[in-house]
Amino acid sequence: MKEWFISELQESMGSTTHDVQLIVDYLAARQDLSADQVAIFGQGSALRSPFLAAAADPRIRVLDLLNPWGDWPDWLKTSPVVPDEERARYLTPSSLKRLPWSIPSPICLN
């Protein structure tokens, strides 16, 4: 497999951020809910997409972030998800330059 989540990490983050917005759109389409003030819980690196979606979508008013991290270079160096034979490719300066970096904390959305 030449292209997957890690090889296309920047694109993957954008796609999952869009998925979060589609979920909010679905909630807005329901008759029994109001999507004007959405709260999202995220843990670890999984909060990256809600964080980016909240920056783009004013309906997302609250983020509850548990143990946020986004240190992708360290993760790429040690993660068992990354095949050893591919690891060096993802740690080149040009690959690292494309990564979504750290997540600020704490934040408040108005």
N, C-alpha and C. Protein backbone atom coordinates (compact mmCIF):
# COMPACT_ATOMS: atom_id res chain seq x y z
N MET A 1 0.85 -1.17 0.00
CA MET A 1 0.00 0.00 0.00
C MET A 1 0.90 1.23 0.00
N LYS A 2 0.81 2.05 -1.02
CA LYS A 2 1.67 3.22 -1.13
C LYS A 2 1.12 4.43 -0.38
N GLU A 3 -0.19 4.57 -0.35
CA GLU A 3 -0.80 5.71 0.32
C GLU A 3 -1.72 5.22 1.42
N TRP A 4 -1.56 5.77 2.61
CA TRP A 4 -2.40 5.42 3.75
C TRP A 4 -2.38 6.59 4.72
N PHE A 5 -3.02 6.43 5.87
CA PHE A 5 -3.18 7.52 6.83
C PHE A 5 -1.87 8.23 7.14
N ILE A 6 -0.80 7.49 7.36
CA ILE A 6 0.47 8.10 7.74
C ILE A 6 1.15 8.77 6.56
N SER A 7 1.16 8.14 5.40
CA SER A 7 1.83 8.74 4.25
C SER A 7 1.12 10.01 3.79
N GLU A 8 -0.15 10.10 4.09
CA GLU A 8 -0.96 11.26 3.70
C GLU A 8 -1.53 11.94 4.94
N LEU A 9 -0.70 12.10 5.97
CA LEU A 9 -1.19 12.58 7.26
C LEU A 9 -1.87 13.94 7.16
N GLN A 10 -1.28 14.86 6.43
CA GLN A 10 -1.89 16.19 6.29
C GLN A 10 -3.27 16.09 5.64
N GLU A 11 -3.40 15.33 4.58
CA GLU A 11 -4.68 15.14 3.90
C GLU A 11 -5.67 14.40 4.81
N SER A 12 -5.15 13.41 5.54
CA SER A 12 -6.01 12.65 6.44
C SER A 12 -6.62 13.56 7.50
N MET A 13 -5.83 14.46 8.04
CA MET A 13 -6.34 15.40 9.05
C MET A 13 -7.41 16.30 8.46
N GLY A 14 -7.18 16.79 7.25
CA GLY A 14 -8.19 17.62 6.61
C GLY A 14 -9.48 16.86 6.35
N SER A 15 -9.37 15.61 5.93
CA SER A 15 -10.56 14.80 5.66
C SER A 15 -11.35 14.51 6.93
N THR A 16 -10.65 14.16 8.01
CA THR A 16 -11.36 13.86 9.24
C THR A 16 -11.95 15.13 9.85
N THR A 17 -11.31 16.27 9.64
CA THR A 17 -11.88 17.53 10.09
C THR A 17 -13.19 17.79 9.35
N HIS A 18 -13.19 17.55 8.06
CA HIS A 18 -14.42 17.71 7.27
C HIS A 18 -15.49 16.73 7.75
N ASP A 19 -15.09 15.53 8.12
CA ASP A 19 -16.05 14.55 8.65
C ASP A 19 -16.75 15.08 9.90
N VAL A 20 -15.99 15.76 10.77
CA VAL A 20 -16.59 16.33 11.98
C VAL A 20 -17.65 17.36 11.58
N GLN A 21 -17.34 18.18 10.61
CA GLN A 21 -18.31 19.17 10.15
C GLN A 21 -19.55 18.49 9.55
N LEU A 22 -19.38 17.39 8.86
CA LEU A 22 -20.53 16.65 8.32
C LEU A 22 -21.40 16.10 9.45
N ILE A 23 -20.79 15.69 10.53
CA ILE A 23 -21.56 15.23 11.69
C ILE A 23 -22.39 16.37 12.26
N VAL A 24 -21.80 17.55 12.37
CA VAL A 24 -22.54 18.71 12.87
C VAL A 24 -23.67 19.07 11.90
N ASP A 25 -23.41 18.95 10.61
CA ASP A 25 -24.46 19.19 9.62
C ASP A 25 -25.62 18.20 9.81
N TYR A 26 -25.28 16.94 10.07
CA TYR A 26 -26.32 15.94 10.32
C TYR A 26 -27.15 16.31 11.55
N LEU A 27 -26.47 16.72 12.61
CA LEU A 27 -27.19 17.12 13.83
C LEU A 27 -28.11 18.30 13.54
N ALA A 28 -27.64 19.24 12.74
CA ALA A 28 -28.44 20.42 12.39
C ALA A 28 -29.68 20.03 11.59
N ALA A 29 -29.60 18.96 10.81
CA ALA A 29 -30.73 18.53 9.98
C ALA A 29 -31.80 17.80 10.79
N ARG A 30 -31.45 17.34 11.96
CA ARG A 30 -32.44 16.63 12.79
C ARG A 30 -33.42 17.62 13.40
N GLN A 31 -34.64 17.20 13.53
CA GLN A 31 -35.68 18.07 14.08
C GLN A 31 -35.68 18.10 15.61
N ASP A 32 -35.07 17.12 16.24
CA ASP A 32 -35.12 17.02 17.70
C ASP A 32 -33.89 17.59 18.39
N LEU A 33 -32.96 18.19 17.64
CA LEU A 33 -31.74 18.76 18.22
C LEU A 33 -31.48 20.15 17.68
N SER A 34 -30.70 20.91 18.42
CA SER A 34 -30.21 22.19 17.94
C SER A 34 -28.70 22.08 17.80
N ALA A 35 -28.19 22.44 16.65
CA ALA A 35 -26.75 22.36 16.42
C ALA A 35 -26.08 23.73 16.52
N ASP A 36 -26.74 24.66 17.19
CA ASP A 36 -26.18 26.01 17.31
C ASP A 36 -25.06 26.08 18.33
N GLN A 37 -25.04 25.15 19.29
CA GLN A 37 -24.02 25.15 20.33
C GLN A 37 -23.57 23.72 20.59
N VAL A 38 -22.65 23.26 19.76
CA VAL A 38 -22.16 21.89 19.82
C VAL A 38 -20.93 21.82 20.72
N ALA A 39 -20.86 20.77 21.51
CA ALA A 39 -19.67 20.48 22.31
C ALA A 39 -19.10 19.15 21.83
N ILE A 40 -17.78 19.06 21.79
CA ILE A 40 -17.12 17.84 21.33
C ILE A 40 -16.05 17.45 22.35
N PHE A 41 -16.01 16.16 22.64
CA PHE A 41 -14.98 15.60 23.50
C PHE A 41 -13.93 14.93 22.62
N GLY A 42 -12.66 15.13 22.96
CA GLY A 42 -11.59 14.46 22.23
C GLY A 42 -10.50 14.04 23.19
N GLN A 43 -9.81 12.95 22.85
CA GLN A 43 -8.75 12.44 23.70
C GLN A 43 -7.51 12.17 22.85
N GLY A 44 -6.35 12.59 23.37
CA GLY A 44 -5.09 12.34 22.69
C GLY A 44 -5.04 12.98 21.32
N SER A 45 -4.47 12.27 20.37
CA SER A 45 -4.36 12.82 19.02
C SER A 45 -5.70 12.86 18.31
N ALA A 46 -6.70 12.13 18.83
CA ALA A 46 -8.02 12.11 18.21
C ALA A 46 -8.72 13.46 18.30
N LEU A 47 -8.21 14.37 19.11
CA LEU A 47 -8.87 15.67 19.23
C LEU A 47 -8.43 16.64 18.15
N ARG A 48 -7.47 16.28 17.36
CA ARG A 48 -6.98 17.19 16.31
C ARG A 48 -8.11 17.60 15.37
N SER A 49 -8.91 16.68 14.90
CA SER A 49 -9.96 17.00 13.95
C SER A 49 -11.05 17.89 14.55
N PRO A 50 -11.56 17.59 15.75
CA PRO A 50 -12.53 18.51 16.34
C PRO A 50 -11.94 19.90 16.58
N PHE A 51 -10.68 19.95 16.94
CA PHE A 51 -10.03 21.24 17.17
C PHE A 51 -10.01 22.07 15.89
N LEU A 52 -9.61 21.47 14.79
CA LEU A 52 -9.58 22.18 13.51
C LEU A 52 -10.99 22.51 13.03
N ALA A 53 -11.94 21.60 13.24
CA ALA A 53 -13.32 21.87 12.84
C ALA A 53 -13.88 23.04 13.63
N ALA A 54 -13.57 23.11 14.92
CA ALA A 54 -14.06 24.22 15.76
C ALA A 54 -13.50 25.56 15.28
N ALA A 55 -12.30 25.55 14.78
CA ALA A 55 -11.71 26.79 14.26
C ALA A 55 -12.44 27.25 13.00
N ALA A 56 -13.02 26.31 12.25
CA ALA A 56 -13.69 26.65 11.00
C ALA A 56 -15.20 26.76 11.10
N ASP A 57 -15.79 26.20 12.16
CA ASP A 57 -17.25 26.13 12.25
C ASP A 57 -17.73 26.75 13.56
N PRO A 58 -18.39 27.91 13.50
CA PRO A 58 -18.81 28.60 14.72
C PRO A 58 -19.88 27.86 15.53
N ARG A 59 -20.49 26.84 14.96
CA ARG A 59 -21.48 26.06 15.71
C ARG A 59 -20.82 25.23 16.81
N ILE A 60 -19.55 24.91 16.62
CA ILE A 60 -18.81 24.14 17.63
C ILE A 60 -18.31 25.13 18.67
N ARG A 61 -18.95 25.13 19.83
CA ARG A 61 -18.70 26.15 20.84
C ARG A 61 -17.80 25.69 21.98
N VAL A 62 -17.75 24.39 22.24
CA VAL A 62 -16.99 23.88 23.37
C VAL A 62 -16.21 22.64 22.96
N LEU A 63 -14.94 22.59 23.37
CA LEU A 63 -14.13 21.40 23.20
C LEU A 63 -13.68 20.94 24.57
N ASP A 64 -13.89 19.68 24.87
CA ASP A 64 -13.40 19.09 26.10
C ASP A 64 -12.23 18.19 25.69
N LEU A 65 -11.00 18.66 25.95
CA LEU A 65 -9.80 17.99 25.46
C LEU A 65 -9.10 17.28 26.59
N LEU A 66 -9.06 15.97 26.51
CA LEU A 66 -8.41 15.16 27.54
C LEU A 66 -7.06 14.68 27.02
N ASN A 67 -6.00 15.05 27.74
CA ASN A 67 -4.65 14.61 27.40
C ASN A 67 -4.29 14.94 25.95
N PRO A 68 -4.40 16.23 25.57
CA PRO A 68 -4.10 16.57 24.18
C PRO A 68 -2.62 16.40 23.87
N TRP A 69 -2.35 15.96 22.68
CA TRP A 69 -0.98 15.91 22.18
C TRP A 69 -1.03 15.98 20.68
N GLY A 70 0.04 16.38 20.10
CA GLY A 70 0.15 16.44 18.66
C GLY A 70 1.59 16.42 18.24
N ASP A 71 2.43 15.72 19.01
CA ASP A 71 3.85 15.66 18.72
C ASP A 71 4.11 14.55 17.70
N TRP A 72 3.77 14.85 16.46
CA TRP A 72 3.85 13.84 15.41
C TRP A 72 5.27 13.34 15.17
N PRO A 73 6.31 14.19 15.20
CA PRO A 73 7.66 13.65 14.98
C PRO A 73 8.03 12.57 16.01
N ASP A 74 7.73 12.80 17.29
CA ASP A 74 8.04 11.79 18.30
C ASP A 74 7.20 10.53 18.07
N TRP A 75 5.95 10.72 17.72
CA TRP A 75 5.08 9.57 17.48
C TRP A 75 5.59 8.75 16.30
N LEU A 76 5.98 9.42 15.22
CA LEU A 76 6.48 8.71 14.05
C LEU A 76 7.76 7.93 14.36
N LYS A 77 8.59 8.45 15.26
CA LYS A 77 9.84 7.77 15.62
C LYS A 77 9.61 6.46 16.36
N THR A 78 8.52 6.37 17.12
CA THR A 78 8.36 5.23 18.02
C THR A 78 7.10 4.40 17.80
N SER A 79 6.16 4.87 17.04
CA SER A 79 4.88 4.17 16.91
C SER A 79 5.02 2.81 16.22
N PRO A 80 4.41 1.78 16.81
CA PRO A 80 4.41 0.48 16.15
C PRO A 80 3.50 0.45 14.91
N VAL A 81 2.69 1.48 14.74
CA VAL A 81 1.81 1.57 13.57
C VAL A 81 2.63 1.82 12.30
N VAL A 82 3.73 2.53 12.45
CA VAL A 82 4.58 2.87 11.30
C VAL A 82 5.55 1.72 11.04
N PRO A 83 5.49 1.12 9.86
CA PRO A 83 6.41 0.03 9.54
C PRO A 83 7.87 0.50 9.58
N ASP A 84 8.74 -0.29 10.17
CA ASP A 84 10.15 0.09 10.30
C ASP A 84 10.78 0.43 8.95
N GLU A 85 10.39 -0.30 7.91
CA GLU A 85 11.00 -0.05 6.59
C GLU A 85 10.53 1.28 5.98
N GLU A 86 9.48 1.87 6.50
CA GLU A 86 8.98 3.16 5.99
C GLU A 86 9.31 4.33 6.90
N ARG A 87 9.71 4.06 8.13
CA ARG A 87 9.88 5.10 9.15
C ARG A 87 10.79 6.23 8.69
N ALA A 88 11.94 5.92 8.13
CA ALA A 88 12.91 6.95 7.71
C ALA A 88 12.29 7.92 6.71
N ARG A 89 11.43 7.42 5.85
CA ARG A 89 10.77 8.26 4.84
C ARG A 89 9.93 9.36 5.48
N TYR A 90 9.27 9.03 6.61
CA TYR A 90 8.39 10.00 7.27
C TYR A 90 9.14 10.95 8.19
N LEU A 91 10.42 10.68 8.43
CA LEU A 91 11.20 11.53 9.33
C LEU A 91 12.14 12.47 8.59
N THR A 92 12.02 12.55 7.27
CA THR A 92 12.84 13.48 6.51
C THR A 92 12.35 14.91 6.78
N PRO A 93 13.23 15.90 6.66
CA PRO A 93 12.80 17.29 6.88
C PRO A 93 11.61 17.71 6.03
N SER A 94 11.55 17.26 4.77
CA SER A 94 10.42 17.66 3.92
C SER A 94 9.11 17.03 4.39
N SER A 95 9.16 15.78 4.88
CA SER A 95 7.94 15.15 5.41
C SER A 95 7.51 15.79 6.71
N LEU A 96 8.46 16.05 7.59
CA LEU A 96 8.13 16.65 8.89
C LEU A 96 7.57 18.06 8.73
N LYS A 97 8.01 18.77 7.71
CA LYS A 97 7.54 20.13 7.47
C LYS A 97 6.04 20.17 7.18
N ARG A 98 5.49 19.10 6.63
CA ARG A 98 4.07 19.04 6.27
C ARG A 98 3.15 18.65 7.41
N LEU A 99 3.71 18.25 8.54
CA LEU A 99 2.90 17.73 9.64
C LEU A 99 2.10 18.80 10.36
N PRO A 100 0.92 18.44 10.86
CA PRO A 100 0.18 19.32 11.76
C PRO A 100 0.86 19.28 13.12
N TRP A 101 1.33 20.40 13.60
CA TRP A 101 2.15 20.41 14.82
C TRP A 101 1.31 20.41 16.08
N SER A 102 1.79 21.05 17.09
CA SER A 102 1.18 20.96 18.42
C SER A 102 -0.16 21.68 18.51
N ILE A 103 -0.89 21.31 19.53
CA ILE A 103 -2.22 21.86 19.79
C ILE A 103 -2.11 22.80 20.97
N PRO A 104 -2.56 24.04 20.85
CA PRO A 104 -2.51 24.93 22.00
C PRO A 104 -3.48 24.48 23.09
N SER A 105 -3.14 24.79 24.32
CA SER A 105 -4.06 24.48 25.42
C SER A 105 -3.87 25.52 26.50
N PRO A 106 -4.83 25.86 27.25
CA PRO A 106 -6.25 25.62 27.01
C PRO A 106 -6.79 26.64 26.02
N ILE A 107 -7.94 26.38 25.48
CA ILE A 107 -8.55 27.31 24.53
C ILE A 107 -10.00 27.57 24.95
N CYS A 108 -10.51 28.68 24.48
CA CYS A 108 -11.91 29.01 24.72
C CYS A 108 -12.47 29.56 23.42
N LEU A 109 -13.57 29.02 22.97
CA LEU A 109 -14.22 29.49 21.76
C LEU A 109 -15.41 30.34 22.16
N ASN A 110 -15.60 31.43 21.46
CA ASN A 110 -16.75 32.31 21.73
C ASN A 110 -17.90 32.01 20.81
